[in-house]
Amino acid sequence: MKQKIIGGVCMLVLLLAACGSPIETNMSRDVNSLEAVNQEGEKVTLPKDYDGTYWIADFIFTSCETVCPPMTGNMARLQQELKEEGMEVPLVSISVDPETDTPQKMKSFAEPYQPDFSQWNFLTGYSFQEVKEFSIKSFQSPLKQLENSNQVAHGTSFYLVTPEGEVIKSYNGTEAGSLDQIIEDLQTLKQNQ
């Protein structure tokens, strides 16, 4: 009888450990590999180069006429708030128009937002097909080149990725109110590491 109780307790502990996240999550996807270059032309491999740390990702492009400027503004505010909280969390903005977005264009697009490039990478250097598959498979976020246009339809979320390369939560990247939730979730996760 005693062995059954101990066995039952062990199983319960294993189950709780396996499914328990200290924050409320809304995703569970492994980030596939993507070879890219950043705004300086330096090679970056996702998710490998961010192994061992939490990071935040979004999808943008430099000629975007709608959601990308406010999303990038929110990411800039997030970077500032992370610094104020003393948190070193990498930020990654991934171009969905890599044929147009050279590293130089990505850097020029970013500069008005005053990013700290040591913490925030703007990635390009792959094909549209590669980033389309990456976005769908890793982030459940479809991309579509709009006909007779230089615009690309893409998701507007910010994504929280774990040190193991798993996307566990998406947030509305166009709403400044999401930033407080991201900070709160990161603080909770870091306290529970």
Protein backbone atom coordinates (compact mmCIF):
# COMPACT_ATOMS: atom_id res chain seq x y z
CA MET A 1 0.00 0.00 0.00
CA LYS A 2 2.80 2.39 0.94
CA GLN A 3 4.52 1.76 -2.42
CA LYS A 4 1.28 2.56 -4.30
CA ILE A 5 0.94 5.86 -2.46
CA ILE A 6 4.58 6.80 -3.11
CA GLY A 7 4.17 5.78 -6.77
CA GLY A 8 1.00 7.88 -7.05
CA VAL A 9 2.69 10.91 -5.48
CA CYS A 10 5.67 10.55 -7.86
CA MET A 11 3.35 10.39 -10.88
CA LEU A 12 1.47 13.48 -9.69
CA VAL A 13 4.73 15.41 -9.22
CA LEU A 14 5.89 14.40 -12.72
CA LEU A 15 2.57 15.44 -14.28
CA LEU A 16 2.57 18.80 -12.53
CA ALA A 17 6.18 19.46 -13.50
CA ALA A 18 5.51 18.58 -17.13
CA CYS A 19 2.47 20.78 -17.68
CA GLY A 20 3.02 23.58 -15.22
CA SER A 21 4.07 26.96 -16.57
CA PRO A 22 4.17 29.83 -14.10
CA ILE A 23 2.42 32.06 -16.68
CA GLU A 24 -0.73 31.60 -18.71
CA THR A 25 0.36 30.44 -22.18
CA ASN A 26 -1.57 30.38 -25.46
CA MET A 27 0.92 28.63 -27.77
CA SER A 28 3.29 25.68 -27.87
CA ARG A 29 5.43 25.58 -31.02
CA ASP A 30 9.09 24.78 -31.56
CA VAL A 31 10.98 27.46 -33.50
CA ASN A 32 12.39 25.97 -36.71
CA SER A 33 15.86 26.95 -37.86
CA LEU A 34 16.27 30.11 -39.95
CA GLU A 35 19.61 31.41 -41.26
CA ALA A 36 19.60 35.21 -41.48
CA VAL A 37 21.73 38.34 -41.27
CA ASN A 38 21.11 41.29 -38.99
CA GLN A 39 21.20 45.03 -39.68
CA GLU A 40 25.03 44.91 -39.55
CA GLY A 41 25.23 42.03 -42.04
CA GLU A 42 26.25 39.60 -39.29
CA LYS A 43 25.00 36.00 -39.48
CA VAL A 44 22.23 35.06 -37.04
CA THR A 45 20.70 31.59 -36.74
CA LEU A 46 17.30 31.21 -35.10
CA PRO A 47 16.69 29.82 -32.57
CA LYS A 48 20.26 28.58 -31.95
CA ASP A 49 21.83 31.99 -31.30
CA TYR A 50 19.28 32.61 -28.52
CA ASP A 51 19.61 29.24 -26.76
CA GLY A 52 19.51 29.64 -23.00
CA THR A 53 17.57 32.92 -22.89
CA TYR A 54 14.00 34.15 -23.25
CA TRP A 55 13.48 36.35 -26.33
CA ILE A 56 10.69 38.28 -28.06
CA ALA A 57 10.08 38.13 -31.84
CA ASP A 58 7.85 39.91 -34.35
CA PHE A 59 7.44 40.13 -38.13
CA ILE A 60 7.76 43.44 -39.99
CA PHE A 61 9.00 44.95 -43.27
CA THR A 62 10.47 48.35 -44.12
CA SER A 63 7.97 49.48 -46.77
CA CYS A 64 4.97 48.56 -44.61
CA GLU A 65 2.31 51.27 -44.77
CA THR A 66 0.10 50.09 -41.91
CA VAL A 67 0.98 48.04 -38.81
CA CYS A 68 4.80 47.88 -38.83
CA PRO A 69 5.55 51.43 -37.64
CA PRO A 70 3.27 51.16 -34.57
CA MET A 71 4.54 47.63 -33.86
CA THR A 72 8.15 48.82 -34.05
CA GLY A 73 7.28 51.77 -31.81
CA ASN A 74 5.84 49.33 -29.27
CA MET A 75 8.93 47.12 -29.52
CA ALA A 76 11.08 50.23 -28.88
CA ARG A 77 8.98 51.01 -25.79
CA LEU A 78 9.33 47.38 -24.69
CA GLN A 79 13.11 47.64 -25.04
CA GLN A 80 13.11 50.77 -22.86
CA GLU A 81 10.87 49.17 -20.22
CA LEU A 82 13.05 46.03 -20.14
CA LYS A 83 16.11 48.23 -19.54
CA GLU A 84 14.29 50.10 -16.75
CA GLU A 85 13.48 46.73 -15.13
CA GLY A 86 17.11 45.60 -15.50
CA MET A 87 16.13 42.74 -17.82
CA GLU A 88 18.36 41.73 -20.72
CA VAL A 89 15.88 40.07 -23.07
CA PRO A 90 16.80 39.95 -26.76
CA LEU A 91 14.32 41.36 -29.30
CA VAL A 92 14.14 40.05 -32.86
CA SER A 93 12.27 41.74 -35.73
CA ILE A 94 12.09 39.45 -38.76
CA SER A 95 11.53 40.88 -42.24
CA VAL A 96 8.70 39.36 -44.29
CA ASP A 97 10.00 41.14 -47.43
CA PRO A 98 13.61 39.93 -47.56
CA GLU A 99 14.06 40.65 -51.30
CA THR A 100 13.57 44.38 -50.58
CA ASP A 101 14.88 44.59 -47.03
CA THR A 102 18.66 44.66 -47.18
CA PRO A 103 20.57 44.95 -43.90
CA GLN A 104 21.10 48.65 -44.68
CA LYS A 105 17.35 49.21 -45.25
CA MET A 106 16.55 47.39 -42.02
CA LYS A 107 19.02 49.58 -40.13
CA SER A 108 17.65 52.79 -41.69
CA PHE A 109 14.09 51.70 -40.86
CA ALA A 110 15.09 50.95 -37.26
CA GLU A 111 17.15 54.04 -36.44
CA PRO A 112 14.26 56.51 -35.82
CA TYR A 113 13.10 54.16 -33.04
CA GLN A 114 16.51 54.50 -31.31
CA PRO A 115 17.08 50.77 -30.80
CA ASP A 116 19.96 49.34 -28.84
CA PHE A 117 21.27 47.01 -31.53
CA SER A 118 23.21 45.00 -28.94
CA GLN A 119 19.81 43.77 -27.69
CA TRP A 120 17.55 44.13 -30.76
CA ASN A 121 18.27 42.47 -34.12
CA PHE A 122 16.49 43.27 -37.39
CA LEU A 123 16.78 40.16 -39.56
CA THR A 124 16.75 39.54 -43.32
CA GLY A 125 18.88 37.59 -45.82
CA TYR A 126 16.67 34.59 -46.66
CA SER A 127 14.02 34.01 -49.35
CA PHE A 128 10.35 34.95 -49.05
CA GLN A 129 9.46 31.23 -49.23
CA GLU A 130 11.84 30.47 -46.33
CA VAL A 131 10.39 33.16 -44.07
CA LYS A 132 6.83 32.20 -45.07
CA GLU A 133 7.41 28.58 -44.01
CA PHE A 134 9.27 29.71 -40.88
CA SER A 135 6.45 32.07 -39.87
CA ILE A 136 3.71 29.47 -40.40
CA LYS A 137 5.49 26.45 -38.91
CA SER A 138 7.12 28.18 -35.95
CA PHE A 139 4.62 30.92 -35.08
CA GLN A 140 1.32 29.81 -36.70
CA SER A 141 1.39 33.14 -38.51
CA PRO A 142 0.59 33.10 -42.26
CA LEU A 143 2.23 35.49 -44.74
CA LYS A 144 0.83 36.58 -48.10
CA GLN A 145 2.32 38.78 -50.80
CA LEU A 146 -0.54 41.07 -51.88
CA GLU A 147 -1.22 41.13 -55.62
CA ASN A 148 -0.19 44.24 -57.59
CA SER A 149 1.35 45.69 -54.43
CA ASN A 150 4.61 45.91 -52.52
CA GLN A 151 2.73 45.07 -49.31
CA VAL A 152 2.81 41.78 -47.41
CA ALA A 153 -0.05 40.64 -45.19
CA HIS A 154 1.41 39.28 -41.94
CA GLY A 155 0.60 38.75 -38.28
CA THR A 156 0.87 41.58 -35.77
CA SER A 157 1.82 39.58 -32.68
CA PHE A 158 4.83 39.73 -30.42
CA TYR A 159 5.95 36.22 -29.50
CA LEU A 160 7.59 35.00 -26.30
CA VAL A 161 10.17 32.27 -26.94
CA THR A 162 11.71 30.13 -24.18
CA PRO A 163 15.42 29.39 -23.67
CA GLU A 164 14.69 25.98 -25.26
CA GLY A 165 13.36 27.60 -28.46
CA GLU A 166 9.63 27.06 -27.87
CA VAL A 167 7.06 29.78 -28.62
CA ILE A 168 4.76 29.79 -25.59
CA LYS A 169 2.75 32.99 -25.89
CA SER A 170 1.62 35.61 -28.39
CA TYR A 171 0.62 39.18 -27.54
CA ASN A 172 -1.02 41.93 -29.59
CA GLY A 173 1.94 43.86 -31.02
CA THR A 174 -0.16 46.86 -32.03
CA GLU A 175 -1.47 47.55 -28.51
CA ALA A 176 0.82 49.33 -26.07
CA GLY A 177 -1.12 47.69 -23.22
CA SER A 178 0.42 44.33 -24.14
CA LEU A 179 3.85 45.54 -23.03
CA ASP A 180 2.94 45.43 -19.33
CA GLN A 181 1.81 41.81 -19.70
CA ILE A 182 5.05 40.87 -21.49
CA ILE A 183 7.14 42.44 -18.69
CA GLU A 184 5.02 40.76 -16.02
CA ASP A 185 5.30 37.35 -17.72
CA LEU A 186 9.06 37.68 -18.16
CA GLN A 187 9.51 38.66 -14.51
CA THR A 188 7.45 35.64 -13.40
CA LEU A 189 9.39 33.28 -15.67
CA LYS A 190 12.77 34.62 -14.54
CA GLN A 191 11.77 34.26 -10.85
CA ASN A 192 10.83 30.64 -11.49
CA GLN A 193 14.03 29.69 -13.39
